N, C-alpha and C. Protein backbone atom coordinates (compact mmCIF):
# COMPACT_ATOMS: atom_id res chain seq x y z
N UNK A 1 0.86 -1.14 -0.04
CA UNK A 1 -0.11 -0.04 0.08
C UNK A 1 0.86 1.23 0.00
N UNK A 2 0.73 2.18 -0.86
CA UNK A 2 1.48 3.40 -0.98
C UNK A 2 0.58 4.55 -0.55
N UNK A 3 1.04 5.41 0.36
CA UNK A 3 0.39 6.57 0.77
C UNK A 3 1.20 7.80 0.29
N UNK A 4 0.52 8.48 -0.58
CA UNK A 4 1.19 9.79 -1.21
C UNK A 4 1.49 10.75 -0.18
N UNK A 5 2.42 11.63 -0.38
CA UNK A 5 2.80 12.74 0.44
C UNK A 5 1.63 13.71 0.57
N UNK A 6 1.54 14.33 1.79
CA UNK A 6 0.49 15.36 1.95
C UNK A 6 0.94 16.36 2.99
N UNK A 7 0.40 17.43 2.96
CA UNK A 7 0.69 18.57 3.97
C UNK A 7 -0.48 18.50 4.97
N UNK A 8 0.03 18.46 6.18
CA UNK A 8 -0.93 18.50 7.29
C UNK A 8 -0.56 19.74 8.22
N UNK A 9 -1.34 20.67 8.13
CA UNK A 9 -0.91 21.98 8.84
C UNK A 9 0.26 22.59 8.23
N UNK A 10 1.27 22.68 9.17
CA UNK A 10 2.60 23.17 8.72
C UNK A 10 3.58 22.07 8.61
N UNK A 11 3.12 20.75 8.65
CA UNK A 11 4.10 19.67 8.59
C UNK A 11 3.76 18.87 7.24
N UNK A 12 4.81 18.23 6.70
CA UNK A 12 4.61 17.43 5.52
C UNK A 12 4.87 15.93 5.89
N UNK A 13 3.67 15.10 5.59
CA UNK A 13 3.83 13.68 5.76
C UNK A 13 4.39 13.13 4.44
N UNK A 14 5.61 12.48 4.57
CA UNK A 14 6.26 12.06 3.34
C UNK A 14 5.53 10.84 2.70
N UNK A 15 5.59 10.72 1.44
CA UNK A 15 5.18 9.53 0.76
C UNK A 15 5.82 8.31 1.34
N UNK A 16 4.99 7.19 1.60
CA UNK A 16 5.62 6.03 2.24
C UNK A 16 4.82 4.88 1.81
N UNK A 17 5.40 3.77 1.91
CA UNK A 17 4.86 2.42 1.47
C UNK A 17 4.83 1.47 2.57
N UNK A 18 3.72 0.76 2.78
CA UNK A 18 3.66 -0.22 3.92
C UNK A 18 3.47 -1.60 3.29
N UNK A 19 4.30 -2.58 3.66
CA UNK A 19 4.23 -3.87 3.19
C UNK A 19 3.94 -4.82 4.39
N UNK A 20 2.97 -5.66 4.33
CA UNK A 20 2.58 -6.58 5.33
C UNK A 20 3.01 -7.99 4.89
N UNK A 21 3.62 -8.67 5.81
CA UNK A 21 4.02 -10.13 5.54
C UNK A 21 3.47 -11.07 6.59
N UNK A 22 3.19 -12.23 6.18
CA UNK A 22 2.80 -13.33 7.13
C UNK A 22 4.05 -13.74 7.97
N UNK A 23 3.87 -13.73 9.36
CA UNK A 23 4.93 -14.08 10.08
C UNK A 23 5.33 -15.54 10.03
N UNK A 24 4.45 -16.40 9.66
CA UNK A 24 4.61 -17.78 9.56
C UNK A 24 5.51 -18.18 8.38
N UNK A 25 5.15 -17.63 7.20
CA UNK A 25 5.91 -18.11 5.93
C UNK A 25 6.65 -16.93 5.24
N UNK A 26 6.45 -15.69 5.69
CA UNK A 26 7.21 -14.54 5.11
C UNK A 26 6.64 -14.08 3.84
N UNK A 27 5.52 -14.60 3.33
CA UNK A 27 4.96 -14.11 2.07
C UNK A 27 4.19 -12.82 2.32
N UNK A 28 4.02 -11.97 1.30
CA UNK A 28 3.37 -10.72 1.35
C UNK A 28 1.79 -10.98 1.61
N UNK A 29 1.17 -10.29 2.42
CA UNK A 29 -0.26 -10.39 2.67
C UNK A 29 -0.95 -9.57 1.62
N UNK A 30 -2.05 -10.09 0.94
CA UNK A 30 -2.82 -9.21 0.09
C UNK A 30 -4.08 -8.75 0.77
N UNK A 31 -4.92 -8.11 0.08
CA UNK A 31 -6.14 -7.54 0.58
C UNK A 31 -7.09 -8.63 1.09
N UNK A 32 -7.32 -9.76 0.37
CA UNK A 32 -8.19 -10.83 0.76
C UNK A 32 -7.67 -11.50 2.06
N UNK A 33 -6.40 -11.64 2.08
CA UNK A 33 -5.83 -12.41 3.30
C UNK A 33 -5.93 -11.35 4.51
N UNK A 34 -5.68 -10.06 4.24
CA UNK A 34 -5.85 -9.17 5.36
C UNK A 34 -7.23 -9.21 5.93
N UNK A 35 -8.31 -9.20 5.22
CA UNK A 35 -9.56 -9.15 5.76
C UNK A 35 -10.03 -10.53 6.30
N UNK A 36 -9.53 -11.67 5.77
CA UNK A 36 -9.83 -13.02 6.36
C UNK A 36 -9.01 -13.37 7.56
N UNK A 37 -7.76 -12.86 7.60
CA UNK A 37 -6.92 -13.21 8.70
C UNK A 37 -6.13 -14.44 8.54
N UNK A 38 -6.31 -15.17 7.37
CA UNK A 38 -5.65 -16.40 7.07
C UNK A 38 -4.75 -16.25 5.91
N UNK A 39 -3.56 -16.71 5.95
CA UNK A 39 -2.67 -16.68 4.84
C UNK A 39 -2.97 -17.79 3.91
N UNK A 40 -3.15 -17.42 2.52
CA UNK A 40 -3.44 -18.42 1.59
C UNK A 40 -2.20 -19.24 1.25
N UNK A 41 -1.03 -18.72 1.50
CA UNK A 41 0.13 -19.48 1.11
C UNK A 41 0.42 -20.65 2.03
N UNK A 42 0.26 -20.40 3.29
CA UNK A 42 0.72 -21.48 4.39
C UNK A 42 -0.61 -22.00 5.05
N UNK A 43 -1.64 -21.23 5.00
CA UNK A 43 -2.99 -21.66 5.70
C UNK A 43 -3.04 -21.29 7.12
N UNK A 44 -1.97 -20.65 7.63
CA UNK A 44 -1.91 -20.26 9.02
C UNK A 44 -2.55 -18.88 9.23
N UNK A 45 -3.08 -18.54 10.49
CA UNK A 45 -3.47 -17.32 10.75
C UNK A 45 -2.28 -16.37 10.75
N UNK A 46 -2.26 -15.28 10.02
CA UNK A 46 -1.05 -14.59 9.87
C UNK A 46 -0.94 -13.60 11.08
N UNK A 47 0.28 -13.52 11.53
CA UNK A 47 0.57 -12.47 12.41
C UNK A 47 1.45 -11.47 11.68
N UNK A 48 1.17 -10.26 11.85
CA UNK A 48 1.73 -9.15 11.02
C UNK A 48 3.15 -8.87 11.17
N UNK A 49 3.93 -8.79 10.16
CA UNK A 49 5.30 -8.29 10.10
C UNK A 49 5.03 -7.06 9.15
N UNK A 50 5.37 -5.88 9.63
CA UNK A 50 5.13 -4.66 8.80
C UNK A 50 6.50 -4.08 8.45
N UNK A 51 6.60 -3.70 7.19
CA UNK A 51 7.75 -2.97 6.72
C UNK A 51 7.35 -1.66 6.15
N UNK A 52 8.03 -0.57 6.53
CA UNK A 52 7.55 0.74 6.05
C UNK A 52 8.77 1.36 5.30
N UNK A 53 8.59 1.82 4.00
CA UNK A 53 9.61 2.52 3.32
C UNK A 53 9.15 3.96 3.13
N UNK A 54 10.16 4.93 3.48
CA UNK A 54 9.81 6.22 3.46
C UNK A 54 10.54 6.74 2.20
N UNK A 55 9.83 7.57 1.35
CA UNK A 55 10.40 8.21 0.17
C UNK A 55 10.68 9.67 0.56
N UNK A 56 11.99 9.97 0.58
CA UNK A 56 12.42 11.25 1.04
C UNK A 56 12.80 12.17 -0.10
N UNK A 57 12.40 13.28 -0.09
CA UNK A 57 12.72 14.39 -1.09
C UNK A 57 13.17 15.68 -0.27
N UNK A 58 13.81 16.52 -1.02
CA UNK A 58 14.28 17.79 -0.30
C UNK A 58 13.09 18.75 -0.61
N UNK A 59 12.84 19.63 0.32
CA UNK A 59 11.88 20.66 0.24
C UNK A 59 12.68 21.97 0.39
N UNK A 60 12.56 22.91 -0.56
CA UNK A 60 13.36 24.20 -0.44
C UNK A 60 12.77 24.90 0.73
N UNK A 61 13.65 25.67 1.51
CA UNK A 61 13.20 26.51 2.50
C UNK A 61 12.45 27.74 1.91
N UNK A 62 11.41 28.08 2.65
CA UNK A 62 10.47 29.14 2.14
C UNK A 62 11.32 30.47 2.13
N UNK A 63 11.08 31.15 0.96
CA UNK A 63 11.82 32.49 0.76
C UNK A 63 13.20 32.35 0.40
N UNK A 64 13.84 31.27 0.24
CA UNK A 64 15.25 31.14 -0.17
C UNK A 64 15.40 30.81 -1.66
N UNK A 65 16.33 31.33 -2.29
CA UNK A 65 16.71 30.99 -3.59
C UNK A 65 18.13 30.52 -3.66
N UNK A 66 18.45 29.74 -4.65
CA UNK A 66 19.83 29.26 -4.92
C UNK A 66 20.51 30.10 -5.93
């Protein structure tokens, strides 16, 4: 799941990606598995392993020029 960058008040929440994996077999959890709570790869109820990737960019300071 990718969440696009957005401005909240005076702060910027960066673009980030969340990847869920089954703790039993390590395979990525899809939407159907997420709602059912059962991994279709190994058949076990999946315990969540969550990976978050942050996409970082530079933001020029307000009023500054290069």
